[in-house]
């Protein structure tokens, strides 16, 4: 049996607001390749139920449509790829294929998310994402800074 994962998520941020032209459509979820996995739903504003609903909306498109990935984390068995088809996702996605129901997905996603730590680049990316993709304002010397929290325990234990 082939175990494949698909991912999509909805995170509210200024850069992902729909344009007026598409105001009545649900926001398209960023997605991963089918063998990578579903995105987390435990960040602020996240919801496993909304994630499942968004994925199902995406998978209701015609089979030949391409889904372009927001991220790709290939294993040793394939090279990087930026897209997959709706048909491929429907057939091989172990999280949101036609056999998975919303409650099962939400339980799996919430249990998995509870075991995950903060992503390595989370703090840096938030500072740019919250500005709609723009870097922070320059300081008096023309430099732009991303501020990173540190753990005092890591510094004291020689973690840096």
N, C-alpha and C. Protein backbone atom coordinates (compact mmCIF):
# COMPACT_ATOMS: atom_id res chain seq x y z
N UNK A 1 0.84 -1.18 0.00
CA UNK A 1 0.00 0.00 0.00
C UNK A 1 0.88 1.24 0.00
N UNK A 2 0.57 2.16 -0.84
CA UNK A 2 1.32 3.39 -0.96
C UNK A 2 0.75 4.43 0.00
N UNK A 3 1.58 4.96 0.85
CA UNK A 3 1.13 5.97 1.81
C UNK A 3 1.62 7.33 1.34
N UNK A 4 0.71 8.18 0.96
CA UNK A 4 1.03 9.50 0.43
C UNK A 4 0.31 10.56 1.25
N UNK A 5 0.94 11.69 1.45
CA UNK A 5 0.33 12.78 2.18
C UNK A 5 0.23 14.02 1.31
N UNK A 6 -0.77 14.84 1.58
CA UNK A 6 -1.03 16.08 0.87
C UNK A 6 -1.20 17.17 1.91
N UNK A 7 -0.93 18.38 1.55
CA UNK A 7 -1.07 19.42 2.53
C UNK A 7 -1.71 20.66 1.96
N UNK A 8 -2.49 21.27 2.78
CA UNK A 8 -2.97 22.60 2.47
C UNK A 8 -3.32 23.25 3.79
N UNK A 9 -3.31 24.55 3.81
CA UNK A 9 -3.62 25.24 5.04
C UNK A 9 -4.12 26.63 4.74
N UNK A 10 -4.75 27.24 5.75
CA UNK A 10 -5.21 28.61 5.65
C UNK A 10 -4.65 29.36 6.83
N UNK A 11 -3.83 30.36 6.56
CA UNK A 11 -3.32 31.20 7.62
C UNK A 11 -3.65 32.64 7.31
N UNK A 12 -4.37 33.31 8.20
CA UNK A 12 -4.72 34.69 7.91
C UNK A 12 -3.49 35.58 8.03
N UNK A 13 -3.15 36.26 6.97
CA UNK A 13 -2.11 37.28 7.00
C UNK A 13 -2.39 38.25 5.88
N UNK A 14 -1.88 39.47 5.97
CA UNK A 14 -2.22 40.49 4.99
C UNK A 14 -1.87 40.09 3.56
N UNK A 15 -0.83 39.30 3.35
CA UNK A 15 -0.41 38.98 1.99
C UNK A 15 -1.30 37.93 1.34
N UNK A 16 -2.19 37.30 2.10
CA UNK A 16 -3.02 36.25 1.51
C UNK A 16 -4.48 36.67 1.37
N UNK A 17 -4.77 37.94 1.59
CA UNK A 17 -6.16 38.38 1.43
C UNK A 17 -6.55 38.27 -0.03
N UNK A 18 -7.75 37.76 -0.30
CA UNK A 18 -8.17 37.65 -1.69
C UNK A 18 -8.42 39.02 -2.30
N UNK A 19 -8.18 39.13 -3.58
CA UNK A 19 -8.47 40.38 -4.27
C UNK A 19 -9.98 40.50 -4.44
N UNK A 20 -10.50 41.71 -4.69
CA UNK A 20 -11.95 41.87 -4.87
C UNK A 20 -12.49 40.98 -5.99
N UNK A 21 -11.69 40.71 -7.00
CA UNK A 21 -12.13 39.87 -8.11
C UNK A 21 -12.51 38.47 -7.63
N UNK A 22 -11.81 37.96 -6.62
CA UNK A 22 -12.05 36.62 -6.12
C UNK A 22 -12.65 36.63 -4.71
N UNK A 23 -13.30 37.72 -4.33
CA UNK A 23 -13.78 37.88 -2.96
C UNK A 23 -14.78 36.82 -2.52
N UNK A 24 -15.52 36.22 -3.44
CA UNK A 24 -16.52 35.23 -3.06
C UNK A 24 -16.00 33.81 -3.05
N UNK A 25 -14.75 33.61 -3.40
CA UNK A 25 -14.17 32.28 -3.40
C UNK A 25 -13.43 32.02 -2.10
N UNK A 26 -13.41 30.77 -1.63
CA UNK A 26 -12.61 30.48 -0.43
C UNK A 26 -11.13 30.67 -0.77
N UNK A 27 -10.31 31.09 0.20
CA UNK A 27 -8.89 31.27 -0.09
C UNK A 27 -8.25 29.95 -0.48
N UNK A 28 -7.45 29.92 -1.55
CA UNK A 28 -6.82 28.67 -1.92
C UNK A 28 -5.74 28.31 -0.92
N UNK A 29 -5.70 27.07 -0.46
CA UNK A 29 -4.70 26.69 0.53
C UNK A 29 -3.35 26.45 -0.11
N UNK A 30 -2.27 26.91 0.53
CA UNK A 30 -0.95 26.51 0.06
C UNK A 30 -0.85 25.00 0.20
N UNK A 31 -0.17 24.34 -0.70
CA UNK A 31 -0.15 22.89 -0.63
C UNK A 31 1.25 22.32 -0.77
N UNK A 32 1.39 21.11 -0.31
CA UNK A 32 2.61 20.34 -0.46
C UNK A 32 2.37 19.26 -1.50
N UNK A 33 3.41 18.60 -1.92
CA UNK A 33 3.29 17.44 -2.81
C UNK A 33 2.59 16.32 -2.05
N UNK A 34 1.95 15.37 -2.76
CA UNK A 34 1.15 14.35 -2.06
C UNK A 34 1.95 13.47 -1.11
N UNK A 35 3.24 13.26 -1.35
CA UNK A 35 4.01 12.38 -0.48
C UNK A 35 4.63 13.10 0.70
N UNK A 36 4.34 14.38 0.87
CA UNK A 36 4.99 15.16 1.92
C UNK A 36 4.16 15.25 3.19
N UNK A 37 2.90 15.57 3.09
CA UNK A 37 2.06 15.64 4.27
C UNK A 37 1.24 16.89 4.32
N UNK A 38 0.29 16.91 5.20
CA UNK A 38 -0.55 18.09 5.32
C UNK A 38 0.12 19.11 6.22
N UNK A 39 -0.17 20.35 5.98
CA UNK A 39 0.40 21.43 6.77
C UNK A 39 -0.21 21.43 8.16
N UNK A 40 0.46 22.06 9.06
CA UNK A 40 -0.02 22.17 10.42
C UNK A 40 -1.27 23.04 10.46
N UNK A 41 -2.08 22.81 11.46
CA UNK A 41 -3.28 23.61 11.66
C UNK A 41 -3.29 24.24 13.06
N UNK A 42 -2.14 24.21 13.73
CA UNK A 42 -2.10 24.66 15.13
C UNK A 42 -1.54 26.05 15.31
N UNK A 43 -1.26 26.78 14.24
CA UNK A 43 -0.80 28.15 14.39
C UNK A 43 -2.00 29.06 14.63
N UNK A 44 -1.75 30.28 15.05
CA UNK A 44 -2.83 31.22 15.35
C UNK A 44 -3.80 31.32 14.17
N UNK A 45 -5.06 31.16 14.47
CA UNK A 45 -6.09 31.22 13.43
C UNK A 45 -6.27 29.93 12.66
N UNK A 46 -5.47 28.91 12.95
CA UNK A 46 -5.55 27.65 12.24
C UNK A 46 -6.69 26.78 12.75
N UNK A 47 -7.16 25.90 11.90
CA UNK A 47 -8.24 24.99 12.27
C UNK A 47 -8.13 23.75 11.41
N UNK A 48 -8.08 22.59 12.05
CA UNK A 48 -8.00 21.33 11.30
C UNK A 48 -9.25 21.15 10.44
N UNK A 49 -10.40 21.56 10.94
CA UNK A 49 -11.64 21.45 10.16
C UNK A 49 -11.58 22.35 8.93
N UNK A 50 -11.12 23.61 9.10
CA UNK A 50 -10.99 24.51 7.96
C UNK A 50 -9.97 23.99 6.95
N UNK A 51 -8.90 23.41 7.46
CA UNK A 51 -7.87 22.84 6.59
C UNK A 51 -8.46 21.72 5.74
N UNK A 52 -9.24 20.84 6.35
CA UNK A 52 -9.88 19.75 5.63
C UNK A 52 -10.86 20.29 4.59
N UNK A 53 -11.66 21.27 4.99
CA UNK A 53 -12.63 21.86 4.06
C UNK A 53 -11.93 22.50 2.87
N UNK A 54 -10.85 23.23 3.12
CA UNK A 54 -10.08 23.85 2.04
C UNK A 54 -9.49 22.80 1.11
N UNK A 55 -8.97 21.71 1.70
CA UNK A 55 -8.40 20.65 0.88
C UNK A 55 -9.47 20.01 0.00
N UNK A 56 -10.63 19.75 0.57
CA UNK A 56 -11.72 19.15 -0.21
C UNK A 56 -12.17 20.09 -1.32
N UNK A 57 -12.19 21.39 -1.06
CA UNK A 57 -12.55 22.36 -2.09
C UNK A 57 -11.54 22.28 -3.24
N UNK A 58 -10.28 22.23 -2.90
CA UNK A 58 -9.23 22.12 -3.90
C UNK A 58 -9.36 20.83 -4.69
N UNK A 59 -9.65 19.75 -4.01
CA UNK A 59 -9.75 18.45 -4.69
C UNK A 59 -11.06 18.26 -5.44
N UNK A 60 -11.96 19.22 -5.37
CA UNK A 60 -13.18 19.15 -6.17
C UNK A 60 -12.97 19.72 -7.57
N UNK A 61 -11.79 20.26 -7.81
CA UNK A 61 -11.46 20.79 -9.14
C UNK A 61 -11.29 19.63 -10.13
N UNK A 62 -11.28 19.91 -11.43
CA UNK A 62 -11.10 18.84 -12.42
C UNK A 62 -9.77 18.11 -12.26
N UNK A 63 -9.77 16.83 -12.59
CA UNK A 63 -8.60 15.95 -12.43
C UNK A 63 -7.32 16.51 -13.03
N UNK A 64 -7.41 17.15 -14.18
CA UNK A 64 -6.20 17.59 -14.89
C UNK A 64 -5.61 18.88 -14.34
N UNK A 65 -6.29 19.55 -13.43
CA UNK A 65 -5.75 20.79 -12.87
C UNK A 65 -4.48 20.48 -12.08
N UNK A 66 -3.55 21.41 -12.16
CA UNK A 66 -2.30 21.27 -11.40
C UNK A 66 -2.39 22.04 -10.10
N UNK A 67 -1.86 21.46 -9.05
CA UNK A 67 -1.77 22.11 -7.75
C UNK A 67 -0.30 22.45 -7.55
N UNK A 68 0.01 23.73 -7.49
CA UNK A 68 1.39 24.15 -7.31
C UNK A 68 1.69 24.25 -5.82
N UNK A 69 2.76 23.62 -5.43
CA UNK A 69 3.12 23.49 -4.02
C UNK A 69 3.74 24.75 -3.47
N UNK A 70 3.38 25.03 -2.23
CA UNK A 70 4.02 26.12 -1.51
C UNK A 70 5.36 25.68 -0.94
N UNK A 71 5.50 24.39 -0.70
CA UNK A 71 6.72 23.80 -0.14
C UNK A 71 6.92 22.43 -0.75
N UNK A 72 8.17 22.00 -0.81
CA UNK A 72 8.44 20.64 -1.26
C UNK A 72 9.60 20.09 -0.45
N UNK A 73 9.37 18.97 0.17
CA UNK A 73 10.37 18.30 0.99
C UNK A 73 10.53 16.88 0.48
N UNK A 74 11.18 16.69 -0.66
CA UNK A 74 11.26 15.34 -1.23
C UNK A 74 12.15 14.41 -0.41
N UNK A 75 11.76 13.15 -0.42
CA UNK A 75 12.60 12.13 0.20
C UNK A 75 13.68 11.73 -0.79
N UNK A 76 14.38 10.67 -0.48
CA UNK A 76 15.45 10.21 -1.36
C UNK A 76 14.92 9.55 -2.62
N UNK A 77 13.62 9.24 -2.65
CA UNK A 77 13.04 8.51 -3.78
C UNK A 77 12.56 9.39 -4.94
N UNK A 78 12.67 10.72 -4.81
CA UNK A 78 12.27 11.59 -5.91
C UNK A 78 12.98 12.93 -5.84
N UNK A 79 12.96 13.65 -6.96
CA UNK A 79 13.55 14.99 -7.01
C UNK A 79 12.47 16.02 -6.69
N UNK A 80 12.89 17.25 -6.47
CA UNK A 80 11.94 18.31 -6.17
C UNK A 80 10.99 18.52 -7.35
N UNK A 81 9.78 18.88 -7.02
CA UNK A 81 8.77 19.17 -8.03
C UNK A 81 7.86 20.24 -7.46
N UNK A 82 7.38 21.12 -8.31
CA UNK A 82 6.56 22.23 -7.82
C UNK A 82 5.06 21.98 -7.94
N UNK A 83 4.63 20.87 -8.54
CA UNK A 83 3.20 20.66 -8.68
C UNK A 83 2.84 19.19 -8.73
N UNK A 84 1.56 18.94 -8.56
CA UNK A 84 0.96 17.62 -8.77
C UNK A 84 -0.44 17.89 -9.32
N UNK A 85 -1.09 16.86 -9.83
CA UNK A 85 -2.43 17.05 -10.37
C UNK A 85 -3.48 16.78 -9.28
N UNK A 86 -4.66 17.29 -9.51
CA UNK A 86 -5.77 17.00 -8.60
C UNK A 86 -6.00 15.49 -8.55
N UNK A 87 -5.94 14.83 -9.70
CA UNK A 87 -6.14 13.38 -9.74
C UNK A 87 -5.11 12.65 -8.88
N UNK A 88 -3.85 13.08 -8.95
CA UNK A 88 -2.79 12.46 -8.15
C UNK A 88 -3.07 12.66 -6.66
N UNK A 89 -3.46 13.86 -6.29
CA UNK A 89 -3.75 14.13 -4.88
C UNK A 89 -4.95 13.31 -4.40
N UNK A 90 -6.00 13.24 -5.21
CA UNK A 90 -7.19 12.47 -4.82
C UNK A 90 -6.85 11.00 -4.61
N UNK A 91 -6.04 10.45 -5.50
CA UNK A 91 -5.74 9.02 -5.46
C UNK A 91 -4.74 8.63 -4.38
N UNK A 92 -3.74 9.48 -4.12
CA UNK A 92 -2.62 9.04 -3.29
C UNK A 92 -2.44 9.79 -1.98
N UNK A 93 -3.33 10.66 -1.65
CA UNK A 93 -3.17 11.46 -0.45
C UNK A 93 -3.78 10.76 0.75
N UNK A 94 -2.93 10.38 1.71
CA UNK A 94 -3.48 9.63 2.84
C UNK A 94 -4.23 10.51 3.84
N UNK A 95 -4.08 11.82 3.74
CA UNK A 95 -4.79 12.70 4.66
C UNK A 95 -6.15 13.15 4.14
N UNK A 96 -6.28 13.41 2.88
CA UNK A 96 -7.54 13.98 2.38
C UNK A 96 -8.06 13.28 1.13
N UNK A 97 -7.73 12.03 0.94
CA UNK A 97 -8.28 11.31 -0.22
C UNK A 97 -9.77 11.03 0.01
N UNK A 98 -10.42 10.44 -0.96
CA UNK A 98 -11.87 10.25 -0.89
C UNK A 98 -12.33 9.31 0.23
N UNK A 99 -11.42 8.56 0.82
CA UNK A 99 -11.79 7.63 1.90
C UNK A 99 -11.69 8.26 3.29
N UNK A 100 -11.12 9.43 3.40
CA UNK A 100 -10.91 10.09 4.70
C UNK A 100 -12.07 11.04 4.99
N UNK A 101 -12.61 10.96 6.20
CA UNK A 101 -13.69 11.86 6.61
C UNK A 101 -13.11 12.97 7.48
N UNK A 102 -13.86 14.06 7.60
CA UNK A 102 -13.39 15.25 8.30
C UNK A 102 -12.97 14.96 9.74
N UNK A 103 -13.74 14.18 10.46
CA UNK A 103 -13.43 13.91 11.86
C UNK A 103 -12.12 13.14 12.00
N UNK A 104 -11.90 12.18 11.12
CA UNK A 104 -10.66 11.40 11.14
C UNK A 104 -9.46 12.30 10.84
N UNK A 105 -9.61 13.18 9.85
CA UNK A 105 -8.54 14.10 9.50
C UNK A 105 -8.24 15.03 10.67
N UNK A 106 -9.28 15.65 11.26
CA UNK A 106 -9.08 16.60 12.35
C UNK A 106 -8.38 15.93 13.54
N UNK A 107 -8.80 14.71 13.88
CA UNK A 107 -8.16 13.99 14.99
C UNK A 107 -6.68 13.74 14.69
N UNK A 108 -6.38 13.24 13.48
CA UNK A 108 -4.98 12.98 13.09
C UNK A 108 -4.16 14.26 13.13
N UNK A 109 -4.69 15.34 12.53
CA UNK A 109 -3.93 16.58 12.42
C UNK A 109 -3.68 17.16 13.81
N UNK A 110 -4.68 17.19 14.65
CA UNK A 110 -4.52 17.78 15.98
C UNK A 110 -3.56 16.96 16.85
N UNK A 111 -3.63 15.63 16.76
CA UNK A 111 -2.70 14.78 17.52
C UNK A 111 -1.27 14.99 17.03
N UNK A 112 -1.08 15.05 15.73
CA UNK A 112 0.26 15.26 15.17
C UNK A 112 0.80 16.64 15.52
N UNK A 113 -0.04 17.66 15.36
CA UNK A 113 0.41 19.03 15.64
C UNK A 113 0.86 19.20 17.08
N UNK A 114 0.21 18.49 18.00
CA UNK A 114 0.56 18.60 19.42
C UNK A 114 1.97 18.11 19.72
N UNK A 115 2.56 17.33 18.81
CA UNK A 115 3.91 16.80 19.03
C UNK A 115 5.00 17.65 18.37
N UNK A 116 4.62 18.68 17.62
CA UNK A 116 5.58 19.46 16.84
C UNK A 116 6.02 20.72 17.57
N UNK A 117 7.29 21.05 17.45
CA UNK A 117 7.81 22.29 18.02
C UNK A 117 7.66 23.44 17.04
N UNK A 118 8.14 24.58 17.44
CA UNK A 118 8.10 25.76 16.57
C UNK A 118 9.05 25.56 15.40
N UNK A 119 8.60 25.82 14.18
CA UNK A 119 9.49 25.69 13.03
C UNK A 119 10.70 26.61 13.16
N UNK A 120 11.83 26.16 12.64
CA UNK A 120 13.10 26.87 12.78
C UNK A 120 13.04 28.32 12.29
N UNK A 121 12.38 28.60 11.20
CA UNK A 121 12.34 29.95 10.64
C UNK A 121 11.03 30.68 10.92
N UNK A 122 10.26 30.21 11.86
CA UNK A 122 8.95 30.80 12.15
C UNK A 122 9.03 32.28 12.49
N UNK A 123 9.90 32.66 13.40
CA UNK A 123 9.96 34.04 13.85
C UNK A 123 10.42 34.98 12.75
N UNK A 124 11.36 34.55 11.95
CA UNK A 124 11.82 35.38 10.83
C UNK A 124 10.72 35.52 9.78
N UNK A 125 10.07 34.43 9.43
CA UNK A 125 9.05 34.50 8.39
C UNK A 125 7.84 35.30 8.83
N UNK A 126 7.45 35.23 10.09
CA UNK A 126 6.31 36.02 10.56
C UNK A 126 6.56 37.51 10.39
N UNK A 127 7.78 37.95 10.64
CA UNK A 127 8.09 39.36 10.53
C UNK A 127 7.93 39.88 9.10
N UNK A 128 8.13 39.02 8.14
CA UNK A 128 7.95 39.39 6.73
C UNK A 128 6.49 39.16 6.32
N UNK A 129 5.91 38.02 6.69
CA UNK A 129 4.53 37.71 6.31
C UNK A 129 3.53 38.73 6.84
N UNK A 130 3.71 39.17 8.08
CA UNK A 130 2.78 40.14 8.65
C UNK A 130 2.86 41.49 7.96
N UNK A 131 3.93 41.73 7.25
CA UNK A 131 4.09 42.96 6.47
C UNK A 131 3.72 42.74 5.01
N UNK A 132 3.04 41.67 4.73
CA UNK A 132 2.62 41.40 3.35
C UNK A 132 3.78 41.12 2.43
N UNK A 133 4.84 40.49 2.93
CA UNK A 133 5.99 40.13 2.11
C UNK A 133 7.09 41.18 2.09
N UNK A 134 6.87 42.28 2.78
CA UNK A 134 7.90 43.34 2.81
C UNK A 134 8.82 43.15 4.00
N UNK A 135 10.08 43.50 3.83
CA UNK A 135 11.05 43.45 4.93
C UNK A 135 10.77 44.57 5.91
N UNK A 136 11.28 44.45 7.15
CA UNK A 136 11.12 45.54 8.12
C UNK A 136 11.76 46.83 7.60
N UNK A 137 11.32 47.94 8.14
CA UNK A 137 11.89 49.24 7.78
C UNK A 137 13.39 49.26 8.12
N UNK A 138 14.13 50.02 7.35
CA UNK A 138 15.57 50.15 7.58
C UNK A 138 15.82 51.00 8.82
N UNK A 139 16.93 50.70 9.51
CA UNK A 139 17.32 51.51 10.66
C UNK A 139 18.03 52.77 10.18
N UNK A 140 18.58 53.55 11.08
CA UNK A 140 19.26 54.81 10.73
C UNK A 140 20.46 54.61 9.81
N UNK A 141 21.04 53.41 9.80
CA UNK A 141 22.18 53.12 8.93
C UNK A 141 21.77 52.43 7.63
N UNK A 142 20.46 52.34 7.40
CA UNK A 142 19.99 51.72 6.16
C UNK A 142 19.92 50.19 6.21
N UNK A 143 20.15 49.61 7.38
CA UNK A 143 20.09 48.14 7.51
C UNK A 143 18.71 47.70 7.95
N UNK A 144 18.31 46.54 7.48
CA UNK A 144 17.03 45.95 7.88
C UNK A 144 17.33 44.75 8.77
N UNK A 145 16.59 44.62 9.86
CA UNK A 145 16.85 43.58 10.84
C UNK A 145 15.63 42.69 11.03
N UNK A 146 15.86 41.41 11.13
CA UNK A 146 14.84 40.47 11.59
C UNK A 146 15.22 40.14 13.02
N UNK A 147 14.31 40.30 13.91
CA UNK A 147 14.60 40.07 15.33
C UNK A 147 14.24 38.63 15.69
N UNK A 148 15.15 37.99 16.40
CA UNK A 148 14.98 36.58 16.75
C UNK A 148 15.02 36.39 18.26
N UNK A 149 14.02 35.71 18.82
CA UNK A 149 14.09 35.41 20.26
C UNK A 149 15.15 34.34 20.51
N UNK A 150 15.76 34.41 21.66
CA UNK A 150 16.73 33.37 22.03
C UNK A 150 16.32 32.77 23.36
N UNK A 151 16.77 31.58 23.59
CA UNK A 151 16.53 30.91 24.86
C UNK A 151 17.77 31.10 25.73
N UNK A 152 17.60 31.65 26.91
CA UNK A 152 18.72 31.88 27.81
C UNK A 152 19.40 30.55 28.16
N UNK A 153 18.59 29.50 28.32
CA UNK A 153 19.16 28.18 28.64
C UNK A 153 20.11 27.71 27.54
N UNK A 154 19.76 27.95 26.27
CA UNK A 154 20.63 27.52 25.17
C UNK A 154 21.95 28.28 25.21
N UNK A 155 21.90 29.58 25.49
CA UNK A 155 23.11 30.39 25.56
C UNK A 155 24.00 29.92 26.70
N UNK A 156 23.40 29.70 27.86
CA UNK A 156 24.16 29.29 29.04
C UNK A 156 24.74 27.89 28.86
N UNK A 157 24.04 27.03 28.12
CA UNK A 157 24.51 25.67 27.91
C UNK A 157 25.45 25.54 26.71
N UNK A 158 25.83 26.67 26.13
CA UNK A 158 26.74 26.62 24.99
C UNK A 158 26.07 26.23 23.69
N UNK A 159 24.78 26.52 23.57
CA UNK A 159 24.03 26.16 22.37
C UNK A 159 24.35 27.01 21.16
N UNK A 160 25.08 28.12 21.34
CA UNK A 160 25.40 28.99 20.21
C UNK A 160 26.87 29.01 19.95
